[in-house]
Structure formats: C-alpha cells, structure tokens
N, C-alpha and C. Protein backbone atom coordinates (compact mmCIF):
# COMPACT_ATOMS: atom_id res chain seq x y z
N MET A 1 0.96 -1.03 0.06
CA MET A 1 -0.10 -0.07 -0.14
C MET A 1 0.99 1.07 -0.24
N LYS A 2 0.46 2.30 -0.80
CA LYS A 2 1.42 3.32 -0.86
C LYS A 2 0.66 4.53 -0.22
N ILE A 3 1.23 5.23 0.58
CA ILE A 3 0.34 6.39 1.40
C ILE A 3 1.15 7.71 0.89
N SER A 4 0.59 8.51 0.42
CA SER A 4 0.90 9.56 -0.19
C SER A 4 1.78 10.61 1.05
N SER A 5 2.67 11.74 0.73
CA SER A 5 3.34 12.54 1.68
C SER A 5 2.20 13.30 2.09
N ILE A 6 1.30 13.68 1.36
CA ILE A 6 0.25 14.66 1.85
C ILE A 6 -0.87 13.97 2.82
N ALA A 7 -1.11 12.86 2.74
CA ALA A 7 -2.01 12.20 3.64
C ALA A 7 -1.08 11.96 5.09
N LYS A 8 0.17 11.56 4.82
CA LYS A 8 0.82 11.38 6.25
C LYS A 8 0.98 12.63 6.90
N ALA A 9 1.16 13.86 6.07
CA ALA A 9 1.24 15.01 6.73
C ALA A 9 0.18 15.37 7.38
N VAL A 10 -1.20 15.43 6.88
CA VAL A 10 -2.28 15.59 7.50
C VAL A 10 -2.50 14.94 8.68
N VAL A 11 -2.59 13.71 8.59
CA VAL A 11 -2.41 12.87 9.71
C VAL A 11 -1.59 13.35 11.12
N SER A 12 -0.52 13.56 10.78
CA SER A 12 0.50 14.11 11.92
C SER A 12 0.18 15.39 12.23
N GLY A 13 -0.34 16.28 11.50
CA GLY A 13 -0.76 17.66 11.83
C GLY A 13 -1.99 17.43 12.61
N ILE A 14 -2.79 16.60 12.30
CA ILE A 14 -4.16 16.46 13.31
C ILE A 14 -3.63 15.72 14.73
N ALA A 15 -2.60 14.82 14.53
CA ALA A 15 -2.01 14.10 15.94
C ALA A 15 -1.50 15.38 16.81
N ALA A 16 -0.55 15.86 16.13
CA ALA A 16 0.22 17.05 16.86
C ALA A 16 -0.71 18.30 17.44
N GLY A 17 -1.66 18.85 16.53
CA GLY A 17 -2.35 19.64 16.86
C GLY A 17 -3.50 19.13 18.21
N SER A 18 -3.99 17.86 18.14
CA SER A 18 -5.05 17.54 19.04
C SER A 18 -4.16 17.28 20.47
N ALA A 19 -3.06 16.56 20.19
CA ALA A 19 -2.12 16.51 21.73
C ALA A 19 -1.88 17.89 22.40
N ALA A 20 -1.57 18.98 21.36
CA ALA A 20 -1.21 20.28 21.93
C ALA A 20 -2.54 21.06 22.57
N GLY A 21 -3.55 20.62 21.60
CA GLY A 21 -5.08 21.16 22.09
C GLY A 21 -5.23 20.63 23.34
N VAL A 22 -5.32 19.26 23.56
CA VAL A 22 -5.77 18.72 24.63
C VAL A 22 -5.10 19.23 26.06
N THR A 23 -3.71 19.49 25.95
CA THR A 23 -2.94 19.89 26.90
C THR A 23 -3.23 21.45 27.31
N ALA A 24 -3.73 22.15 26.04
CA ALA A 24 -3.93 23.26 26.32
C ALA A 24 -5.38 23.58 27.18
N VAL A 25 -6.41 22.89 26.86
CA VAL A 25 -7.66 22.97 27.54
C VAL A 25 -7.82 22.22 29.09
N GLN A 26 -6.67 21.83 29.25
CA GLN A 26 -6.68 21.30 30.86
C GLN A 26 -7.28 22.04 31.85
N ASP A 27 -7.23 23.44 31.76
CA ASP A 27 -7.58 24.54 32.73
C ASP A 27 -8.81 24.83 32.29
N ASN A 28 -9.53 24.64 31.25
CA ASN A 28 -10.83 25.37 30.38
C ASN A 28 -10.43 26.40 29.85
N VAL A 29 -9.20 27.03 29.79
CA VAL A 29 -9.25 27.94 29.10
C VAL A 29 -7.86 28.01 28.15
N VAL A 30 -7.96 28.35 26.88
CA VAL A 30 -6.94 28.49 25.95
C VAL A 30 -6.54 29.78 25.67
N THR A 31 -5.16 30.20 26.15
CA THR A 31 -4.58 31.56 25.97
C THR A 31 -4.06 31.59 24.79
N ALA A 32 -3.86 32.89 24.50
CA ALA A 32 -3.20 33.12 23.29
C ALA A 32 -1.70 32.46 22.90
N GLY A 33 -0.95 32.53 23.97
CA GLY A 33 0.45 31.28 23.85
C GLY A 33 0.18 29.99 23.70
N GLU A 34 -1.01 29.39 24.21
CA GLU A 34 -1.32 28.13 24.04
C GLU A 34 -1.84 27.90 22.46
N GLY A 35 -2.53 29.02 22.22
CA GLY A 35 -3.12 28.72 20.59
C GLY A 35 -1.67 28.90 19.63
N VAL A 36 -0.89 29.79 20.08
CA VAL A 36 0.42 29.73 19.25
C VAL A 36 0.96 28.42 19.25
N THR A 37 1.18 27.76 20.58
CA THR A 37 1.86 26.59 20.57
C THR A 37 0.97 25.45 19.87
N ILE A 38 -0.17 25.32 19.67
CA ILE A 38 -0.84 24.37 19.02
C ILE A 38 -0.71 24.69 17.42
N VAL A 39 -0.82 25.92 17.06
CA VAL A 39 -0.27 26.20 15.70
C VAL A 39 0.96 26.07 15.06
N LEU A 40 1.89 26.04 15.98
CA LEU A 40 3.37 25.69 15.61
C LEU A 40 3.58 24.39 15.90
N ALA A 41 2.74 23.44 16.80
CA ALA A 41 2.92 21.92 16.44
C ALA A 41 2.43 21.55 15.20
N VAL A 42 1.30 22.24 14.81
CA VAL A 42 0.70 21.49 13.46
C VAL A 42 1.47 21.78 12.57
N LEU A 43 2.06 23.18 12.36
CA LEU A 43 2.96 23.45 11.11
C LEU A 43 4.27 22.56 11.15
N ALA A 44 4.94 22.37 12.44
CA ALA A 44 6.10 21.71 12.52
C ALA A 44 5.68 20.31 12.21
N ALA A 45 4.72 19.58 12.44
CA ALA A 45 4.49 18.45 11.94
C ALA A 45 4.22 18.15 10.46
N TRP A 46 3.59 18.99 10.10
CA TRP A 46 3.37 19.17 8.43
C TRP A 46 4.89 19.35 7.87
N GLY A 47 5.55 20.40 8.36
CA GLY A 47 6.77 20.25 7.79
C GLY A 47 7.93 19.27 7.77
N ILE A 48 7.99 18.39 9.01
CA ILE A 48 8.85 17.74 9.03
C ILE A 48 8.31 16.53 8.47
N THR A 49 6.91 16.17 8.39
CA THR A 49 6.33 14.88 7.82
C THR A 49 6.68 15.01 6.54
N TRP A 50 6.20 16.06 5.66
CA TRP A 50 6.34 16.58 4.16
C TRP A 50 8.05 16.37 3.80
N ALA A 51 9.04 16.99 4.73
CA ALA A 51 10.31 16.75 4.26
C ALA A 51 11.06 15.43 4.44
N VAL A 52 10.55 14.47 5.11
CA VAL A 52 11.28 13.19 5.23
C VAL A 52 10.51 12.21 4.31
N PRO A 53 11.30 11.72 3.35
CA PRO A 53 10.81 10.97 2.11
C PRO A 53 10.25 9.68 2.89
N ASN A 54 9.45 8.88 2.03
CA ASN A 54 8.99 7.79 2.14
C ASN A 54 9.99 6.90 1.85
N LYS A 55 10.07 5.63 2.79
CA LYS A 55 11.09 4.48 2.53
C LYS A 55 11.04 3.93 1.32
N PRO A 56 11.86 3.75 0.43
CA PRO A 56 11.62 2.96 -0.82
C PRO A 56 11.33 1.70 -0.88
N THR A 57 10.48 1.52 -1.60
CA THR A 57 9.96 -0.40 -1.45
C THR A 57 11.05 -1.09 -2.11
N ARG A 58 11.34 -2.36 -1.89
CA ARG A 58 12.05 -3.29 -2.32
C ARG A 58 11.21 -4.11 -3.20
N ASP A 59 11.37 -4.27 -4.38
CA ASP A 59 10.96 -5.22 -5.45
C ASP A 59 11.33 -6.53 -5.37
N ILE A 60 10.54 -7.42 -5.11
CA ILE A 60 10.89 -8.85 -4.70
C ILE A 60 10.63 -9.61 -5.84
C-alpha cells in the first residue's frame, strides 16, 4: 500500500494539534500562547512529515 506524503502530513498535523490542544484545555481556558503553541505544533508536524521521504520499497 502506498501512502502519499500529503496524507501522512495531514494525519501528523491532526495528531500534533490534538495533543497540544488537549494539553491546552486542561484548565478550561486556551490562552493566546497556548493557541500559538497548537499552531506551531501543527505546522512543525506538517513540515517535518513532508520533508522526510517515504522509505523506498524493495521489489521482490
């Protein structure tokens, strides 16, 4: 099965954003700093996932 880089980046962004979001709402308030952290987590996950190439498949 071949998974595109875009699909992996979207999933990693959702995972990073939700992890940062859950941490941010522990006190039932999301501050501006926490919002920035969520956005940066999503952008970093997208960028890192997009930059790392898929492992080449071996033809058997």
